[in-house]
């Protein structure tokens, strides 16, 4: 990531600044005066216009004028658009890199939070402090099983059908029967 930012900075700094002469243009080693060329073109256009029939021109308002007026109201946009192209590219790239860094930090924070919760749960299991959600519907069934003496007399096939009927785990019924046998003293 650091090498990418460094390479972007180096490449933007090496972009050549564009400069041009205002009064003349150098083409193939000879100097041509722009003002003279413009005057000649204006005179040629006047001659063509006098030879052609007179046409009326209508002015059409275009949308870009409104857009320019709206951006002129925002000084930040006007300042940004007045900057040279290489500065605009540098500022845009900087914002993109900052947004990418913020997004990456948010993802890492989310992952760290998730791993922290997972590590906490694992630590609770190691300390045998399991937090179990208490289901109030199953509490009534468990109370009935604790008071009933007929659980340890039931076979495994009947336990599985009883588990389906009570909507409780088969292992929980087996555990309840063993605890009941332990209470009675048969185990």
C-alpha atoms as a PDB file:
ATOM      1  CA  UNK A   1       0.000   0.000   0.000  1.00  0.00           C
ATOM      2  CA  UNK A   2       2.843   2.339   0.871  1.00  0.00           C
ATOM      3  CA  UNK A   3       4.636   1.547  -2.373  1.00  0.00           C
ATOM      4  CA  UNK A   4       1.458   2.320  -4.322  1.00  0.00           C
ATOM      5  CA  UNK A   5       1.120   5.717  -2.666  1.00  0.00           C
ATOM      6  CA  UNK A   6       4.813   6.431  -3.228  1.00  0.00           C
ATOM      7  CA  UNK A   7       4.595   5.482  -6.907  1.00  0.00           C
ATOM      8  CA  UNK A   8       1.530   7.713  -7.342  1.00  0.00           C
ATOM      9  CA  UNK A   9       3.344  10.655  -5.770  1.00  0.00           C
ATOM     10  CA  UNK A  10       6.395  10.159  -7.973  1.00  0.00           C
ATOM     11  CA  UNK A  11       4.342   9.804 -11.152  1.00  0.00           C
ATOM     12  CA  UNK A  12       2.306  12.948 -10.431  1.00  0.00           C
ATOM     13  CA  UNK A  13       5.383  14.967  -9.661  1.00  0.00           C
ATOM     14  CA  UNK A  14       6.985  13.954 -12.977  1.00  0.00           C
ATOM     15  CA  UNK A  15       4.060  15.114 -15.109  1.00  0.00           C
ATOM     16  CA  UNK A  16       5.283  18.015 -17.222  1.00  0.00           C
ATOM     17  CA  UNK A  17       3.683  21.375 -16.664  1.00  0.00           C
ATOM     18  CA  UNK A  18       2.015  22.673 -19.778  1.00  0.00           C
ATOM     19  CA  UNK A  19       3.106  26.083 -20.901  1.00  0.00           C
ATOM     20  CA  UNK A  20       2.552  27.837 -24.180  1.00  0.00           C
ATOM     21  CA  UNK A  21       3.539  31.192 -25.644  1.00  0.00           C
ATOM     22  CA  UNK A  22       0.601  33.549 -25.906  1.00  0.00           C
ATOM     23  CA  UNK A  23       1.732  35.688 -28.823  1.00  0.00           C
ATOM     24  CA  UNK A  24       3.217  33.119 -31.192  1.00  0.00           C
ATOM     25  CA  UNK A  25       3.417  29.429 -31.970  1.00  0.00           C
ATOM     26  CA  UNK A  26       6.614  27.688 -33.059  1.00  0.00           C
ATOM     27  CA  UNK A  27       5.911  25.198 -35.853  1.00  0.00           C
ATOM     28  CA  UNK A  28       8.742  23.545 -37.762  1.00  0.00           C
ATOM     29  CA  UNK A  29      11.245  26.150 -36.688  1.00  0.00           C
ATOM     30  CA  UNK A  30       9.403  29.193 -38.092  1.00  0.00           C
ATOM     31  CA  UNK A  31       7.460  31.685 -36.018  1.00  0.00           C
ATOM     32  CA  UNK A  32       3.893  32.540 -37.009  1.00  0.00           C
ATOM     33  CA  UNK A  33       2.099  35.487 -35.477  1.00  0.00           C
ATOM     34  CA  UNK A  34      -1.298  34.377 -34.209  1.00  0.00           C
ATOM     35  CA  UNK A  35      -2.772  37.874 -34.273  1.00  0.00           C
ATOM     36  CA  UNK A  36      -2.084  38.189 -38.022  1.00  0.00           C
ATOM     37  CA  UNK A  37      -3.677  34.809 -38.705  1.00  0.00           C
ATOM     38  CA  UNK A  38      -6.800  35.733 -36.761  1.00  0.00           C
ATOM     39  CA  UNK A  39      -7.116  39.071 -38.600  1.00  0.00           C
ATOM     40  CA  UNK A  40      -6.846  37.311 -41.975  1.00  0.00           C
ATOM     41  CA  UNK A  41      -9.473  34.757 -41.016  1.00  0.00           C
ATOM     42  CA  UNK A  42     -11.843  37.513 -39.877  1.00  0.00           C
ATOM     43  CA  UNK A  43     -11.407  39.394 -43.159  1.00  0.00           C
ATOM     44  CA  UNK A  44     -12.030  36.192 -45.189  1.00  0.00           C
ATOM     45  CA  UNK A  45     -15.164  35.495 -43.168  1.00  0.00           C
ATOM     46  CA  UNK A  46     -16.447  39.050 -43.802  1.00  0.00           C
ATOM     47  CA  UNK A  47     -15.898  38.616 -47.553  1.00  0.00           C
ATOM     48  CA  UNK A  48     -17.757  35.289 -47.573  1.00  0.00           C
ATOM     49  CA  UNK A  49     -20.583  36.780 -45.529  1.00  0.00           C
ATOM     50  CA  UNK A  50     -21.026  39.737 -47.883  1.00  0.00           C
ATOM     51  CA  UNK A  51     -21.186  37.353 -50.876  1.00  0.00           C
ATOM     52  CA  UNK A  52     -23.717  35.009 -49.190  1.00  0.00           C
ATOM     53  CA  UNK A  53     -27.363  36.010 -48.625  1.00  0.00           C
ATOM     54  CA  UNK A  54     -28.159  37.540 -45.265  1.00  0.00           C
ATOM     55  CA  UNK A  55     -29.337  34.990 -42.711  1.00  0.00           C
ATOM     56  CA  UNK A  56     -30.749  35.711 -39.330  1.00  0.00           C
ATOM     57  CA  UNK A  57     -29.171  33.934 -36.444  1.00  0.00           C
ATOM     58  CA  UNK A  58     -31.090  33.008 -33.359  1.00  0.00           C
ATOM     59  CA  UNK A  59     -29.430  32.668 -30.011  1.00  0.00           C
ATOM     60  CA  UNK A  60     -30.043  29.495 -28.056  1.00  0.00           C
ATOM     61  CA  UNK A  61     -29.442  29.308 -24.346  1.00  0.00           C
ATOM     62  CA  UNK A  62     -27.473  26.236 -23.494  1.00  0.00           C
ATOM     63  CA  UNK A  63     -27.415  24.267 -20.254  1.00  0.00           C
ATOM     64  CA  UNK A  64     -23.677  24.580 -19.576  1.00  0.00           C
ATOM     65  CA  UNK A  65     -24.142  28.273 -18.693  1.00  0.00           C
ATOM     66  CA  UNK A  66     -26.472  27.304 -15.860  1.00  0.00           C
ATOM     67  CA  UNK A  67     -24.080  24.633 -14.694  1.00  0.00           C
ATOM     68  CA  UNK A  68     -21.203  27.093 -14.695  1.00  0.00           C
ATOM     69  CA  UNK A  69     -23.279  29.573 -12.703  1.00  0.00           C
ATOM     70  CA  UNK A  70     -24.139  26.892 -10.128  1.00  0.00           C
ATOM     71  CA  UNK A  71     -20.517  25.827  -9.744  1.00  0.00           C
ATOM     72  CA  UNK A  72     -19.493  29.472  -9.419  1.00  0.00           C
ATOM     73  CA  UNK A  73     -21.668  29.693  -6.304  1.00  0.00           C
ATOM     74  CA  UNK A  74     -19.594  26.945  -4.680  1.00  0.00           C
ATOM     75  CA  UNK A  75     -16.127  28.375  -3.999  1.00  0.00           C
ATOM     76  CA  UNK A  76     -14.577  24.953  -3.353  1.00  0.00           C
ATOM     77  CA  UNK A  77     -15.680  23.648  -6.764  1.00  0.00           C
ATOM     78  CA  UNK A  78     -14.489  26.844  -8.445  1.00  0.00           C
ATOM     79  CA  UNK A  79     -11.111  26.546  -6.725  1.00  0.00           C
ATOM     80  CA  UNK A  80     -10.812  22.860  -7.666  1.00  0.00           C
ATOM     81  CA  UNK A  81     -11.662  23.499 -11.311  1.00  0.00           C
ATOM     82  CA  UNK A  82      -9.146  26.347 -11.497  1.00  0.00           C
ATOM     83  CA  UNK A  83      -6.267  24.054 -10.436  1.00  0.00           C
ATOM     84  CA  UNK A  84      -3.987  22.453 -13.031  1.00  0.00           C
ATOM     85  CA  UNK A  85      -4.809  18.911 -14.124  1.00  0.00           C
ATOM     86  CA  UNK A  86      -1.946  17.239 -12.256  1.00  0.00           C
ATOM     87  CA  UNK A  87      -3.058  18.850  -8.966  1.00  0.00           C
ATOM     88  CA  UNK A  88      -6.646  17.760  -9.586  1.00  0.00           C
ATOM     89  CA  UNK A  89      -5.451  14.197 -10.207  1.00  0.00           C
ATOM     90  CA  UNK A  90      -3.294  14.283  -7.082  1.00  0.00           C
ATOM     91  CA  UNK A  91      -6.166  15.528  -4.903  1.00  0.00           C
ATOM     92  CA  UNK A  92      -8.549  12.942  -6.370  1.00  0.00           C
ATOM     93  CA  UNK A  93      -6.064  10.119  -5.847  1.00  0.00           C
ATOM     94  CA  UNK A  94      -5.458  11.291  -2.275  1.00  0.00           C
ATOM     95  CA  UNK A  95      -9.185  11.208  -1.522  1.00  0.00           C
ATOM     96  CA  UNK A  96      -9.498   7.745  -3.041  1.00  0.00           C
ATOM     97  CA  UNK A  97      -6.613   6.444  -0.947  1.00  0.00           C
ATOM     98  CA  UNK A  98      -8.098   7.996   2.216  1.00  0.00           C
ATOM     99  CA  UNK A  99     -11.506   6.471   1.507  1.00  0.00           C
ATOM    100  CA  UNK A 100      -9.886   3.079   0.915  1.00  0.00           C
ATOM    101  CA  UNK A 101      -7.983   3.355   4.215  1.00  0.00           C
ATOM    102  CA  UNK A 102     -11.125   4.301   6.159  1.00  0.00           C
ATOM    103  CA  UNK A 103     -13.045   1.429   4.568  1.00  0.00           C
ATOM    104  CA  UNK A 104     -10.215  -1.003   5.388  1.00  0.00           C
ATOM    105  CA  UNK A 105     -10.091   0.207   8.998  1.00  0.00           C
ATOM    106  CA  UNK A 106     -13.852  -0.281   9.345  1.00  0.00           C
ATOM    107  CA  UNK A 107     -13.607  -3.853   8.052  1.00  0.00           C
ATOM    108  CA  UNK A 108     -10.682  -4.633  10.369  1.00  0.00           C
ATOM    109  CA  UNK A 109     -12.546  -3.186  13.362  1.00  0.00           C
ATOM    110  CA  UNK A 110     -15.579  -5.322  12.530  1.00  0.00           C
ATOM    111  CA  UNK A 111     -13.415  -8.452  12.261  1.00  0.00           C
ATOM    112  CA  UNK A 112     -11.616  -7.669  15.528  1.00  0.00           C
ATOM    113  CA  UNK A 113     -14.949  -7.198  17.293  1.00  0.00           C
ATOM    114  CA  UNK A 114     -16.173 -10.550  15.981  1.00  0.00           C
ATOM    115  CA  UNK A 115     -12.991 -12.373  17.014  1.00  0.00           C
ATOM    116  CA  UNK A 116     -13.108 -10.727  20.437  1.00  0.00           C
ATOM    117  CA  UNK A 117     -16.633 -12.051  21.006  1.00  0.00           C
ATOM    118  CA  UNK A 118     -15.582 -15.500  19.795  1.00  0.00           C
ATOM    119  CA  UNK A 119     -12.534 -15.543  22.082  1.00  0.00           C
ATOM    120  CA  UNK A 120     -14.720 -14.493  25.002  1.00  0.00           C
ATOM    121  CA  UNK A 121     -17.109 -17.374  24.326  1.00  0.00           C
ATOM    122  CA  UNK A 122     -14.213 -19.849  24.077  1.00  0.00           C
ATOM    123  CA  UNK A 123     -12.809 -18.564  27.377  1.00  0.00           C
ATOM    124  CA  UNK A 124     -16.218 -19.033  28.989  1.00  0.00           C
ATOM    125  CA  UNK A 125     -16.324 -22.626  27.739  1.00  0.00           C
ATOM    126  CA  UNK A 126     -12.840 -23.321  29.115  1.00  0.00           C
ATOM    127  CA  UNK A 127     -13.870 -21.995  32.504  1.00  0.00           C
ATOM    128  CA  UNK A 128     -17.080 -24.048  32.261  1.00  0.00           C
ATOM    129  CA  UNK A 129     -19.224 -20.976  32.651  1.00  0.00           C
ATOM    130  CA  UNK A 130     -21.588 -21.810  29.842  1.00  0.00           C
ATOM    131  CA  UNK A 131     -24.369 -19.308  29.476  1.00  0.00           C
ATOM    132  CA  UNK A 132     -27.481 -21.160  28.421  1.00  0.00           C
ATOM    133  CA  UNK A 133     -30.646 -19.531  27.235  1.00  0.00           C
ATOM    134  CA  UNK A 134     -33.541 -20.634  29.369  1.00  0.00           C
ATOM    135  CA  UNK A 135     -36.596 -21.729  27.460  1.00  0.00           C
ATOM    136  CA  UNK A 136     -39.669 -21.259  29.640  1.00  0.00           C
ATOM    137  CA  UNK A 137     -41.670 -23.866  27.733  1.00  0.00           C
ATOM    138  CA  UNK A 138     -39.079 -26.544  28.466  1.00  0.00           C
ATOM    139  CA  UNK A 139     -38.906 -25.603  32.161  1.00  0.00           C
ATOM    140  CA  UNK A 140     -42.408 -27.027  32.718  1.00  0.00           C
ATOM    141  CA  UNK A 141     -41.506 -30.265  30.923  1.00  0.00           C
ATOM    142  CA  UNK A 142     -38.306 -30.601  32.944  1.00  0.00           C
ATOM    143  CA  UNK A 143     -40.200 -30.102  36.219  1.00  0.00           C
ATOM    144  CA  UNK A 144     -42.614 -32.868  35.250  1.00  0.00           C
ATOM    145  CA  UNK A 145     -39.722 -35.154  34.365  1.00  0.00           C
ATOM    146  CA  UNK A 146     -38.009 -34.431  37.669  1.00  0.00           C
ATOM    147  CA  UNK A 147     -41.113 -35.320  39.680  1.00  0.00           C
ATOM    148  CA  UNK A 148     -42.041 -38.400  37.613  1.00  0.00           C
ATOM    149  CA  UNK A 149     -40.600 -41.785  38.560  1.00  0.00           C
ATOM    150  CA  UNK A 150     -41.479 -43.630  35.392  1.00  0.00           C
ATOM    151  CA  UNK A 151     -38.561 -42.323  33.281  1.00  0.00           C
ATOM    152  CA  UNK A 152     -36.024 -44.927  34.340  1.00  0.00           C
ATOM    153  CA  UNK A 153     -38.446 -47.760  33.589  1.00  0.00           C
ATOM    154  CA  UNK A 154     -38.834 -46.757  29.933  1.00  0.00           C
ATOM    155  CA  UNK A 155     -36.794 -48.444  27.153  1.00  0.00           C
ATOM    156  CA  UNK A 156     -34.691 -46.520  24.642  1.00  0.00           C
ATOM    157  CA  UNK A 157     -37.302 -46.837  21.886  1.00  0.00           C
ATOM    158  CA  UNK A 158     -39.938 -45.418  24.173  1.00  0.00           C
ATOM    159  CA  UNK A 159     -37.553 -42.635  25.217  1.00  0.00           C
ATOM    160  CA  UNK A 160     -37.099 -41.529  21.605  1.00  0.00           C
ATOM    161  CA  UNK A 161     -40.882 -41.489  21.023  1.00  0.00           C
ATOM    162  CA  UNK A 162     -41.376 -39.647  24.336  1.00  0.00           C
ATOM    163  CA  UNK A 163     -38.685 -37.127  23.297  1.00  0.00           C
ATOM    164  CA  UNK A 164     -40.513 -36.453  20.035  1.00  0.00           C
ATOM    165  CA  UNK A 165     -43.774 -36.099  21.876  1.00  0.00           C
ATOM    166  CA  UNK A 166     -42.376 -33.644  24.437  1.00  0.00           C
ATOM    167  CA  UNK A 167     -40.219 -31.856  21.824  1.00  0.00           C
ATOM    168  CA  UNK A 168     -37.116 -32.314  23.918  1.00  0.00           C
ATOM    169  CA  UNK A 169     -33.742 -33.885  23.176  1.00  0.00           C
ATOM    170  CA  UNK A 170     -33.357 -37.633  23.676  1.00  0.00           C
ATOM    171  CA  UNK A 171     -30.055 -37.112  25.494  1.00  0.00           C
ATOM    172  CA  UNK A 172     -31.764 -34.802  27.935  1.00  0.00           C
ATOM    173  CA  UNK A 173     -34.320 -37.509  28.748  1.00  0.00           C
ATOM    174  CA  UNK A 174     -31.550 -40.068  29.234  1.00  0.00           C
ATOM    175  CA  UNK A 175     -29.707 -37.662  31.504  1.00  0.00           C
ATOM    176  CA  UNK A 176     -32.888 -37.025  33.483  1.00  0.00           C
ATOM    177  CA  UNK A 177     -33.420 -40.770  33.952  1.00  0.00           C
ATOM    178  CA  UNK A 178     -29.837 -41.260  35.155  1.00  0.00           C
ATOM    179  CA  UNK A 179     -30.163 -38.370  37.582  1.00  0.00           C
ATOM    180  CA  UNK A 180     -33.415 -39.844  38.849  1.00  0.00           C
ATOM    181  CA  UNK A 181     -31.731 -43.220  39.367  1.00  0.00           C
ATOM    182  CA  UNK A 182     -28.905 -41.485  41.209  1.00  0.00           C
ATOM    183  CA  UNK A 183     -31.413 -39.698  43.477  1.00  0.00           C
ATOM    184  CA  UNK A 184     -33.186 -42.914  44.323  1.00  0.00           C
ATOM    185  CA  UNK A 185     -29.902 -44.612  45.026  1.00  0.00           C
ATOM    186  CA  UNK A 186     -30.061 -47.371  42.442  1.00  0.00           C
ATOM    187  CA  UNK A 187     -26.923 -46.119  40.763  1.00  0.00           C
END
